[in-house]
Each structure stands twice: as C-alpha cells, then as structure tokens.
Amino acid sequence: MAGKYEKGDVVKGKVAGIQPYGAFIALDKDTQGLVHISEITYGFVRDIHEYLSIGQEVEVKVLDMDEQAGKISLSIRALQERPPASRRDDRPRKSLQDRIDERDADGFNTLRDKLQDWIRQSGQ
C-alpha cells in the first residue's frame, strides 16, 4: 500500500463487498478501501444496494490512509457535484422570541391565571 495511493488521488476500483455501513472497493489485486455509507452520495442512504452492486466499477477519491492499520478511506460523493441547498427565502426569518410571542400572546402566566382564561374561552 505504501507509495501506491495518496490522499486526494482519484482512482478506479471495483465494488468487492457491501455491508450495511459501507462498500469495500478493490483498487488493485492487493489493495482494498472502504467507502463509508455517508460517502456514497449526498443525502440519506438507506440501502447501499440501491446505489452500488458487487463487481460494479466506480471512481473514488482517497480521503485518508492509515498505513499502520492498512486502511484506506474512500469517497464517491467527493466526486459528485454538491446539490443546491434548499432555501426558504419566500418568508422572512423570525427570531425564537418572535415565534414564542406569536404562539403565546399572553406570555408565561401562572397555571392559575391560564386556567381562568381557558375556562372563559370554553364558554363555561
């Protein structure tokens, strides 16, 4: 493994195994790396099989290498274009205090005061 691959390299490999936590990618006959489930694609991945299959050829980026443990961390997501962030510009942002004031116009009254209000509102 030493000298073959470096952090930041983009290489091709084949999916050699799939586990619930990620996919093992064979980079060559002697070297495998792991693409963690969070590095498959942007967004939530429930089932890796929906994105990858054994024997599939993939392009991956080397994120990190642990020479002592013999582990290589890989990413498919790092080679994808980041999707645009969803924004809610159609309504102005309100502070937490403004939202509290909207929901509870009376503020924080004691339970006794609230009870009297609730009885009046119920029409009894």
C-alpha atoms as a PDB file:
ATOM      1  CA  MET A   1       0.000   0.000   0.000  1.00  0.00           C
ATOM      2  CA  ALA A   2       2.860   2.362   0.771  1.00  0.00           C
ATOM      3  CA  GLY A   3       3.516   4.731  -2.095  1.00  0.00           C
ATOM      4  CA  LYS A   4       0.767   3.390  -4.370  1.00  0.00           C
ATOM      5  CA  TYR A   5      -2.004   5.729  -3.292  1.00  0.00           C
ATOM      6  CA  GLU A   6      -2.005   9.137  -1.701  1.00  0.00           C
ATOM      7  CA  LYS A   7      -4.632  11.286  -0.045  1.00  0.00           C
ATOM      8  CA  GLY A   8      -6.547  13.193  -2.739  1.00  0.00           C
ATOM      9  CA  ASP A   9      -5.922  10.641  -5.518  1.00  0.00           C
ATOM     10  CA  VAL A  10      -8.854   9.820  -7.789  1.00  0.00           C
ATOM     11  CA  VAL A  11      -8.753   6.165  -8.856  1.00  0.00           C
ATOM     12  CA  LYS A  12     -10.977   3.483 -10.338  1.00  0.00           C
ATOM     13  CA  GLY A  13     -11.884   0.328  -8.492  1.00  0.00           C
ATOM     14  CA  LYS A  14     -14.461  -2.441  -8.322  1.00  0.00           C
ATOM     15  CA  VAL A  15     -17.036  -2.998  -5.614  1.00  0.00           C
ATOM     16  CA  ALA A  16     -15.788  -6.130  -3.837  1.00  0.00           C
ATOM     17  CA  GLY A  17     -18.258  -6.247  -0.944  1.00  0.00           C
ATOM     18  CA  ILE A  18     -21.196  -4.428   0.563  1.00  0.00           C
ATOM     19  CA  GLN A  19     -22.008  -4.171   4.256  1.00  0.00           C
ATOM     20  CA  PRO A  20     -24.701  -2.081   5.988  1.00  0.00           C
ATOM     21  CA  TYR A  21     -22.041   0.509   6.914  1.00  0.00           C
ATOM     22  CA  GLY A  22     -20.318   0.849   3.538  1.00  0.00           C
ATOM     23  CA  ALA A  23     -18.820  -0.730   0.435  1.00  0.00           C
ATOM     24  CA  PHE A  24     -15.386  -2.296   0.032  1.00  0.00           C
ATOM     25  CA  ILE A  25     -13.654  -1.240  -3.159  1.00  0.00           C
ATOM     26  CA  ALA A  26     -10.811  -3.265  -4.691  1.00  0.00           C
ATOM     27  CA  LEU A  27      -8.331  -0.733  -6.018  1.00  0.00           C
ATOM     28  CA  ASP A  28      -5.970  -3.429  -7.291  1.00  0.00           C
ATOM     29  CA  LYS A  29      -5.402  -7.128  -6.564  1.00  0.00           C
ATOM     30  CA  ASP A  30      -3.719  -6.373  -3.216  1.00  0.00           C
ATOM     31  CA  THR A  31      -5.454  -3.191  -2.033  1.00  0.00           C
ATOM     32  CA  GLN A  32      -8.984  -2.528  -0.815  1.00  0.00           C
ATOM     33  CA  GLY A  33     -10.542   0.580   0.658  1.00  0.00           C
ATOM     34  CA  LEU A  34     -13.855   1.399   2.278  1.00  0.00           C
ATOM     35  CA  VAL A  35     -16.461   3.876   1.092  1.00  0.00           C
ATOM     36  CA  HIS A  36     -18.462   4.614   4.237  1.00  0.00           C
ATOM     37  CA  ILE A  37     -22.252   4.811   3.701  1.00  0.00           C
ATOM     38  CA  SER A  38     -22.092   8.584   4.298  1.00  0.00           C
ATOM     39  CA  GLU A  39     -19.638   8.924   1.397  1.00  0.00           C
ATOM     40  CA  ILE A  40     -21.792   7.126  -1.218  1.00  0.00           C
ATOM     41  CA  THR A  41     -23.797  10.188  -2.290  1.00  0.00           C
ATOM     42  CA  TYR A  42     -25.313  13.383  -0.950  1.00  0.00           C
ATOM     43  CA  GLY A  43     -28.436  12.902   1.137  1.00  0.00           C
ATOM     44  CA  PHE A  44     -29.589   9.927   3.177  1.00  0.00           C
ATOM     45  CA  VAL A  45     -28.667   6.425   2.007  1.00  0.00           C
ATOM     46  CA  ARG A  46     -30.915   3.758   3.489  1.00  0.00           C
ATOM     47  CA  ASP A  47     -29.694   0.817   1.415  1.00  0.00           C
ATOM     48  CA  ILE A  48     -26.309   0.825  -0.316  1.00  0.00           C
ATOM     49  CA  HIS A  49     -27.597  -1.768  -2.794  1.00  0.00           C
ATOM     50  CA  GLU A  50     -29.748   0.975  -4.342  1.00  0.00           C
ATOM     51  CA  TYR A  51     -26.524   2.728  -5.430  1.00  0.00           C
ATOM     52  CA  LEU A  52     -23.870   0.025  -5.822  1.00  0.00           C
ATOM     53  CA  SER A  53     -23.584  -3.637  -6.758  1.00  0.00           C
ATOM     54  CA  ILE A  54     -20.807  -6.209  -6.454  1.00  0.00           C
ATOM     55  CA  GLY A  55     -18.458  -6.033  -9.439  1.00  0.00           C
ATOM     56  CA  GLN A  56     -19.514  -2.518 -10.410  1.00  0.00           C
ATOM     57  CA  GLU A  57     -16.645  -0.284 -11.488  1.00  0.00           C
ATOM     58  CA  VAL A  58     -16.560   3.041  -9.650  1.00  0.00           C
ATOM     59  CA  GLU A  59     -14.390   6.118  -9.481  1.00  0.00           C
ATOM     60  CA  VAL A  60     -13.388   7.058  -5.939  1.00  0.00           C
ATOM     61  CA  LYS A  61     -11.334   9.697  -4.172  1.00  0.00           C
ATOM     62  CA  VAL A  62      -8.836   8.736  -1.457  1.00  0.00           C
ATOM     63  CA  LEU A  63      -9.875  10.633   1.676  1.00  0.00           C
ATOM     64  CA  ASP A  64      -7.443   9.212   4.191  1.00  0.00           C
ATOM     65  CA  MET A  65      -4.913   6.453   4.657  1.00  0.00           C
ATOM     66  CA  ASP A  66      -3.868   4.639   7.810  1.00  0.00           C
ATOM     67  CA  GLU A  67      -0.638   2.862   6.869  1.00  0.00           C
ATOM     68  CA  GLN A  68      -0.310   1.113  10.237  1.00  0.00           C
ATOM     69  CA  ALA A  69      -3.830  -0.323  10.177  1.00  0.00           C
ATOM     70  CA  GLY A  70      -3.695  -0.841   6.411  1.00  0.00           C
ATOM     71  CA  LYS A  71      -6.962   1.052   5.879  1.00  0.00           C
ATOM     72  CA  ILE A  72      -7.922   3.417   3.087  1.00  0.00           C
ATOM     73  CA  SER A  73     -10.975   5.678   3.379  1.00  0.00           C
ATOM     74  CA  LEU A  74     -12.618   6.400   0.044  1.00  0.00           C
ATOM     75  CA  SER A  75     -15.441   8.604  -1.216  1.00  0.00           C
ATOM     76  CA  ILE A  76     -17.717   8.548  -4.235  1.00  0.00           C
ATOM     77  CA  ARG A  77     -19.623  11.601  -3.002  1.00  0.00           C
ATOM     78  CA  ALA A  78     -16.476  13.785  -3.088  1.00  0.00           C
ATOM     79  CA  LEU A  79     -16.504  13.440  -6.886  1.00  0.00           C
ATOM     80  CA  GLN A  80     -20.140  14.467  -7.263  1.00  0.00           C
ATOM     81  CA  GLU A  81     -21.431  17.986  -7.682  1.00  0.00           C
ATOM     82  CA  ARG A  82     -22.976  19.232  -4.451  1.00  0.00           C
ATOM     83  CA  PRO A  83     -26.737  19.707  -4.866  1.00  0.00           C
ATOM     84  CA  PRO A  84     -28.037  23.230  -4.311  1.00  0.00           C
ATOM     85  CA  ALA A  85     -29.098  23.874  -0.745  1.00  0.00           C
ATOM     86  CA  SER A  86     -32.818  24.155  -0.303  1.00  0.00           C
ATOM     87  CA  ARG A  87     -33.660  27.642   0.852  1.00  0.00           C
ATOM     88  CA  ARG A  88     -36.853  29.067   2.177  1.00  0.00           C
ATOM     89  CA  ASP A  89     -36.426  32.667   1.060  1.00  0.00           C
ATOM     90  CA  ASP A  90     -40.147  33.065   0.432  1.00  0.00           C
ATOM     91  CA  ARG A  91     -40.789  34.006   4.051  1.00  0.00           C
ATOM     92  CA  PRO A  92     -38.715  36.182   6.348  1.00  0.00           C
ATOM     93  CA  ARG A  93     -36.880  34.524   9.210  1.00  0.00           C
ATOM     94  CA  LYS A  94     -38.176  35.251  12.701  1.00  0.00           C
ATOM     95  CA  SER A  95     -36.285  35.124  15.943  1.00  0.00           C
ATOM     96  CA  LEU A  96     -37.161  32.487  18.519  1.00  0.00           C
ATOM     97  CA  GLN A  97     -38.688  35.154  20.756  1.00  0.00           C
ATOM     98  CA  ASP A  98     -40.928  36.401  17.918  1.00  0.00           C
ATOM     99  CA  ARG A  99     -42.187  32.861  17.311  1.00  0.00           C
ATOM    100  CA  ILE A 100     -42.876  32.369  21.028  1.00  0.00           C
ATOM    101  CA  ASP A 101     -44.713  35.686  21.186  1.00  0.00           C
ATOM    102  CA  GLU A 102     -46.876  34.664  18.207  1.00  0.00           C
ATOM    103  CA  ARG A 103     -47.879  31.358  19.732  1.00  0.00           C
ATOM    104  CA  ASP A 104     -48.463  32.638  23.237  1.00  0.00           C
ATOM    105  CA  ALA A 105     -49.656  36.223  23.130  1.00  0.00           C
ATOM    106  CA  ASP A 106     -50.276  36.173  26.907  1.00  0.00           C
ATOM    107  CA  GLY A 107     -46.694  35.294  27.698  1.00  0.00           C
ATOM    108  CA  PHE A 108     -45.823  32.999  30.576  1.00  0.00           C
ATOM    109  CA  ASN A 109     -48.718  33.237  33.012  1.00  0.00           C
ATOM    110  CA  THR A 110     -49.124  31.045  36.056  1.00  0.00           C
ATOM    111  CA  LEU A 111     -51.231  27.928  35.692  1.00  0.00           C
ATOM    112  CA  ARG A 112     -53.934  29.517  37.868  1.00  0.00           C
ATOM    113  CA  ASP A 113     -54.190  32.528  35.505  1.00  0.00           C
ATOM    114  CA  LYS A 114     -54.165  30.272  32.465  1.00  0.00           C
ATOM    115  CA  LEU A 115     -56.900  28.059  33.929  1.00  0.00           C
ATOM    116  CA  GLN A 116     -59.201  31.052  34.338  1.00  0.00           C
ATOM    117  CA  ASP A 117     -58.530  32.063  30.715  1.00  0.00           C
ATOM    118  CA  TRP A 118     -59.204  28.530  29.481  1.00  0.00           C
ATOM    119  CA  ILE A 119     -62.494  28.351  31.393  1.00  0.00           C
ATOM    120  CA  ARG A 120     -63.586  31.685  29.910  1.00  0.00           C
ATOM    121  CA  GLN A 121     -62.584  30.616  26.397  1.00  0.00           C
ATOM    122  CA  SER A 122     -64.506  27.365  26.660  1.00  0.00           C
ATOM    123  CA  GLY A 123     -67.702  29.341  27.338  1.00  0.00           C
ATOM    124  CA  GLN A 124     -68.482  27.922  30.771  1.00  0.00           C
END
